[in-house]
Amino acid sequence: MLSFPRAVIFDWDNTLVESWPAIAEAINQTRAAFGLETWTVDEVRSRCTRAARDSFPEWFGPRWKEAYDFYYRGFDEIRKRREITPLPGAGALLRWLKAREVPAFVVSNKRGDYLRLEAERLQWRDYFASIVGAQDAVRDKPAREHVDHALSPTGIVADSSIWFVGDSETDVLCARNAGCTPVLIGHEELARCLVVDHVFADCQNLLEMLENYAA
């Protein structure tokens, strides 16, 4: 059984917000420009869980830095015309944690400056003690350093009383590397494969469990 969390770390994309269409469009523009086959949105979801500085060298070889710059130029334009859509229950869950003084954090492999801009656009910035993304820490998720960097402003030390809420294997690995408790959103089959005990359909479902726990 889950113990009530001392703090909660969240992944961003596909955990709190739906931004995969924008990511997929930018990835496919880049892959096409560099002569590679494009991917479906589902393929992008499954393949784009690591930071770009880790995955781009594998995908683009010696031209990876050029591809990296091309991708972010494209993404910067795409995000201006696409809405950022909160996933069900995400805003309510963040408000609930804030009201109960449970610190919340973001650890994502999206670049940190984009994360913080998106949080501002959603008026969510004040819900988080810190928001850290790719290149903010010495190493990106799933490395423990990413979690330690996020927690450092508060003096909280990672342990099993902290939940790491995400949607991917990378999130589970990061939780375990940092000694946190992994909590999966939306993927019962993945939870079985990774032997994760705690899985919820969405943030609304997770909030309902917390409300019952606190009642």
Protein backbone atom coordinates (compact mmCIF):
# COMPACT_ATOMS: atom_id res chain seq x y z
CA MET A 1 0.00 0.00 0.00
CA LEU A 2 1.16 3.52 -0.82
CA SER A 3 2.13 5.70 2.12
CA PHE A 4 1.05 9.34 1.96
CA PRO A 5 3.83 11.18 0.07
CA ARG A 6 6.27 13.58 1.71
CA ALA A 7 6.72 15.16 -1.74
CA VAL A 8 5.72 14.34 -5.33
CA ILE A 9 7.93 14.55 -8.42
CA PHE A 10 6.12 14.66 -11.76
CA ASP A 11 7.17 13.96 -15.29
CA TRP A 12 5.64 16.55 -17.64
CA ASP A 13 4.66 15.30 -21.11
CA ASN A 14 1.92 12.66 -21.14
CA THR A 15 1.75 12.81 -17.34
CA LEU A 16 0.49 16.33 -16.64
CA VAL A 17 0.03 17.74 -20.15
CA GLU A 18 -0.71 16.49 -23.65
CA SER A 19 2.02 17.94 -25.84
CA TRP A 20 2.97 14.92 -27.92
CA PRO A 21 1.44 16.26 -31.18
CA ALA A 22 3.80 19.26 -31.07
CA ILE A 23 6.79 17.07 -30.21
CA ALA A 24 5.89 14.58 -32.96
CA GLU A 25 5.56 17.35 -35.55
CA ALA A 26 8.98 18.79 -34.64
CA ILE A 27 10.65 15.37 -34.52
CA ASN A 28 9.23 14.37 -37.90
CA GLN A 29 10.22 17.67 -39.51
CA THR A 30 13.75 17.03 -38.31
CA ARG A 31 13.87 13.38 -39.33
CA ALA A 32 12.54 14.20 -42.81
CA ALA A 33 15.06 17.03 -43.23
CA PHE A 34 17.89 14.63 -42.38
CA GLY A 35 16.69 11.87 -44.68
CA LEU A 36 15.15 9.56 -42.07
CA GLU A 37 11.70 7.97 -42.05
CA THR A 38 9.05 9.73 -40.00
CA TRP A 39 7.27 8.16 -37.01
CA THR A 40 3.68 7.90 -35.88
CA VAL A 41 2.71 9.76 -32.72
CA ASP A 42 2.68 6.43 -30.85
CA GLU A 43 6.23 5.72 -32.06
CA VAL A 44 7.33 9.18 -30.93
CA ARG A 45 5.75 8.56 -27.51
CA SER A 46 7.67 5.32 -27.04
CA ARG A 47 11.00 6.51 -28.48
CA CYS A 48 11.26 10.05 -27.14
CA THR A 49 11.55 9.48 -23.40
CA ARG A 50 15.26 10.33 -23.07
CA ALA A 51 16.82 13.76 -23.31
CA ALA A 52 17.76 14.91 -26.82
CA ARG A 53 21.45 15.09 -25.91
CA ASP A 54 21.27 11.33 -25.24
CA SER A 55 19.00 10.18 -28.09
CA PHE A 56 20.02 12.49 -30.97
CA PRO A 57 23.56 11.09 -31.33
CA GLU A 58 22.00 7.64 -31.87
CA TRP A 59 19.44 8.86 -34.39
CA PHE A 60 21.52 11.37 -36.37
CA GLY A 61 25.10 10.24 -35.87
CA PRO A 62 27.83 12.87 -36.39
CA ARG A 63 25.23 15.45 -37.50
CA TRP A 64 23.32 15.22 -34.22
CA LYS A 65 24.13 18.75 -33.02
CA GLU A 66 22.93 20.19 -36.32
CA ALA A 67 19.74 18.11 -36.00
CA TYR A 68 19.35 19.20 -32.40
CA ASP A 69 19.42 22.89 -33.38
CA PHE A 70 17.03 22.23 -36.29
CA TYR A 71 14.59 20.42 -33.98
CA TYR A 72 14.47 23.19 -31.39
CA ARG A 73 14.03 25.90 -34.02
CA GLY A 74 11.07 23.96 -35.38
CA PHE A 75 9.64 23.19 -31.96
CA ASP A 76 9.86 26.85 -30.98
CA GLU A 77 7.63 27.79 -33.93
CA ILE A 78 5.23 24.88 -33.47
CA ARG A 79 4.60 25.50 -29.77
CA LYS A 80 3.49 29.08 -30.54
CA ARG A 81 0.52 27.83 -32.56
CA ARG A 82 -0.40 24.72 -30.59
CA GLU A 83 -2.29 24.76 -27.32
CA ILE A 84 -0.86 23.08 -24.24
CA THR A 85 -3.61 20.81 -22.95
CA PRO A 86 -3.66 19.69 -19.31
CA LEU A 87 -4.50 16.02 -18.90
CA PRO A 88 -7.57 15.01 -16.85
CA GLY A 89 -7.24 15.91 -13.19
CA ALA A 90 -3.74 17.39 -13.49
CA GLY A 91 -4.59 20.92 -12.41
CA ALA A 92 -6.88 19.73 -9.63
CA LEU A 93 -4.19 17.37 -8.33
CA LEU A 94 -1.59 20.14 -8.25
CA ARG A 95 -3.98 22.50 -6.44
CA TRP A 96 -4.79 19.76 -3.90
CA LEU A 97 -1.12 19.10 -3.16
CA LYS A 98 -0.44 22.84 -2.84
CA ALA A 99 -3.33 23.31 -0.41
CA ARG A 100 -1.98 20.50 1.77
CA GLU A 101 1.58 21.81 1.61
CA VAL A 102 2.93 18.70 -0.11
CA PRO A 103 5.88 19.94 -2.23
CA ALA A 104 5.61 19.17 -5.95
CA PHE A 105 8.44 19.12 -8.48
CA VAL A 106 8.90 18.53 -12.21
CA VAL A 107 11.72 16.35 -13.59
CA SER A 108 11.46 16.06 -17.36
CA ASN A 109 13.68 15.38 -20.34
CA LYS A 110 12.09 18.30 -22.19
CA ARG A 111 14.47 21.26 -22.17
CA GLY A 112 14.11 23.25 -18.98
CA ASP A 113 13.41 26.65 -20.53
CA TYR A 114 10.47 25.21 -22.50
CA LEU A 115 9.10 23.47 -19.39
CA ARG A 116 9.10 26.68 -17.40
CA LEU A 117 7.48 28.62 -20.25
CA GLU A 118 4.72 26.02 -20.51
CA ALA A 119 4.14 26.07 -16.75
CA GLU A 120 3.81 29.87 -16.92
CA ARG A 121 1.33 29.65 -19.81
CA LEU A 122 -0.81 27.25 -17.78
CA GLN A 123 -0.43 29.46 -14.67
CA TRP A 124 1.00 26.44 -12.84
CA ARG A 125 4.39 27.85 -11.89
CA ASP A 126 3.44 28.46 -8.26
CA TYR A 127 2.38 24.84 -7.79
CA PHE A 128 5.99 23.63 -8.00
CA ALA A 129 8.96 24.01 -5.68
CA SER A 130 11.18 23.59 -8.77
CA ILE A 131 10.88 22.68 -12.44
CA VAL A 132 13.94 21.08 -14.01
CA GLY A 133 14.45 19.74 -17.50
CA ALA A 134 17.09 18.51 -19.90
CA GLN A 135 20.50 20.18 -19.43
CA ASP A 136 19.57 21.74 -16.07
CA ALA A 137 21.43 19.01 -14.17
CA VAL A 138 24.77 17.34 -14.81
CA ARG A 139 22.93 14.29 -16.16
CA ASP A 140 19.36 13.91 -17.37
CA LYS A 141 16.67 11.41 -16.43
CA PRO A 142 16.93 8.48 -15.61
CA ALA A 143 20.08 9.57 -13.72
CA ARG A 144 19.67 10.27 -10.02
CA GLU A 145 21.42 13.63 -10.44
CA HIS A 146 18.33 15.01 -12.17
CA VAL A 147 16.18 14.28 -9.11
CA ASP A 148 18.79 15.57 -6.67
CA HIS A 149 19.04 18.81 -8.65
CA ALA A 150 15.26 19.30 -8.53
CA LEU A 151 15.06 18.68 -4.78
CA SER A 152 18.14 20.70 -3.83
CA PRO A 153 16.41 24.11 -3.36
CA THR A 154 14.23 22.61 -0.62
CA GLY A 155 16.85 20.50 1.17
CA ILE A 156 14.67 17.41 0.73
CA VAL A 157 16.67 14.20 0.21
CA ALA A 158 15.21 11.57 -2.11
CA ASP A 159 13.85 8.42 -0.49
CA SER A 160 10.86 6.06 -0.74
CA SER A 161 8.54 8.60 0.93
CA ILE A 162 8.73 10.66 -2.28
CA TRP A 163 6.56 9.60 -5.21
CA PHE A 164 7.87 9.87 -8.76
CA VAL A 165 4.80 10.07 -11.01
CA GLY A 166 5.35 9.42 -14.72
CA ASP A 167 4.25 7.50 -17.78
CA SER A 168 7.37 5.76 -19.08
CA GLU A 169 10.08 3.24 -18.31
CA THR A 170 12.52 6.15 -18.04
CA ASP A 171 10.44 7.60 -15.22
CA VAL A 172 10.39 4.28 -13.37
CA LEU A 173 14.15 3.86 -13.77
CA CYS A 174 14.73 7.40 -12.54
CA ALA A 175 12.52 6.81 -9.49
CA ARG A 176 14.43 3.66 -8.62
CA ASN A 177 17.83 5.22 -9.25
CA ALA A 178 16.92 7.98 -6.79
CA GLY A 179 15.31 5.66 -4.22
CA CYS A 180 11.83 7.14 -4.77
CA THR A 181 8.54 5.25 -5.14
CA PRO A 182 7.52 4.89 -8.82
CA VAL A 183 3.89 5.66 -9.66
CA LEU A 184 2.72 5.11 -13.25
CA ILE A 185 -0.01 7.00 -15.06
CA GLY A 186 -2.07 5.20 -17.67
CA HIS A 187 -0.11 2.04 -18.46
CA GLU A 188 -1.17 -1.12 -16.63
CA GLU A 189 0.72 -3.38 -19.07
CA LEU A 190 3.91 -1.35 -18.58
CA ALA A 191 3.39 -1.50 -14.82
CA ARG A 192 3.25 -5.30 -15.00
CA CYS A 193 6.36 -5.48 -17.19
CA LEU A 194 8.35 -3.19 -14.88
CA VAL A 195 6.88 -4.68 -11.68
CA VAL A 196 5.44 -1.34 -10.57
CA ASP A 197 2.81 -1.80 -7.88
CA HIS A 198 1.07 1.57 -8.23
CA VAL A 199 -0.64 2.57 -11.49
CA PHE A 200 -3.52 4.98 -12.10
CA ALA A 201 -5.56 5.74 -15.20
CA ASP A 202 -4.83 9.48 -14.94
CA CYS A 203 -4.18 12.26 -12.45
CA GLN A 204 -7.88 12.46 -11.60
CA ASN A 205 -7.82 8.83 -10.51
CA LEU A 206 -4.68 9.49 -8.45
CA LEU A 207 -6.30 12.54 -6.82
CA GLU A 208 -9.36 10.52 -5.84
CA MET A 209 -7.13 7.99 -4.11
CA LEU A 210 -5.32 10.76 -2.23
CA GLU A 211 -8.58 12.38 -1.17
CA ASN A 212 -9.85 9.07 0.20
CA TYR A 213 -6.53 8.52 1.93
CA ALA A 214 -6.67 11.92 3.61
CA ALA A 215 -10.36 11.68 4.59
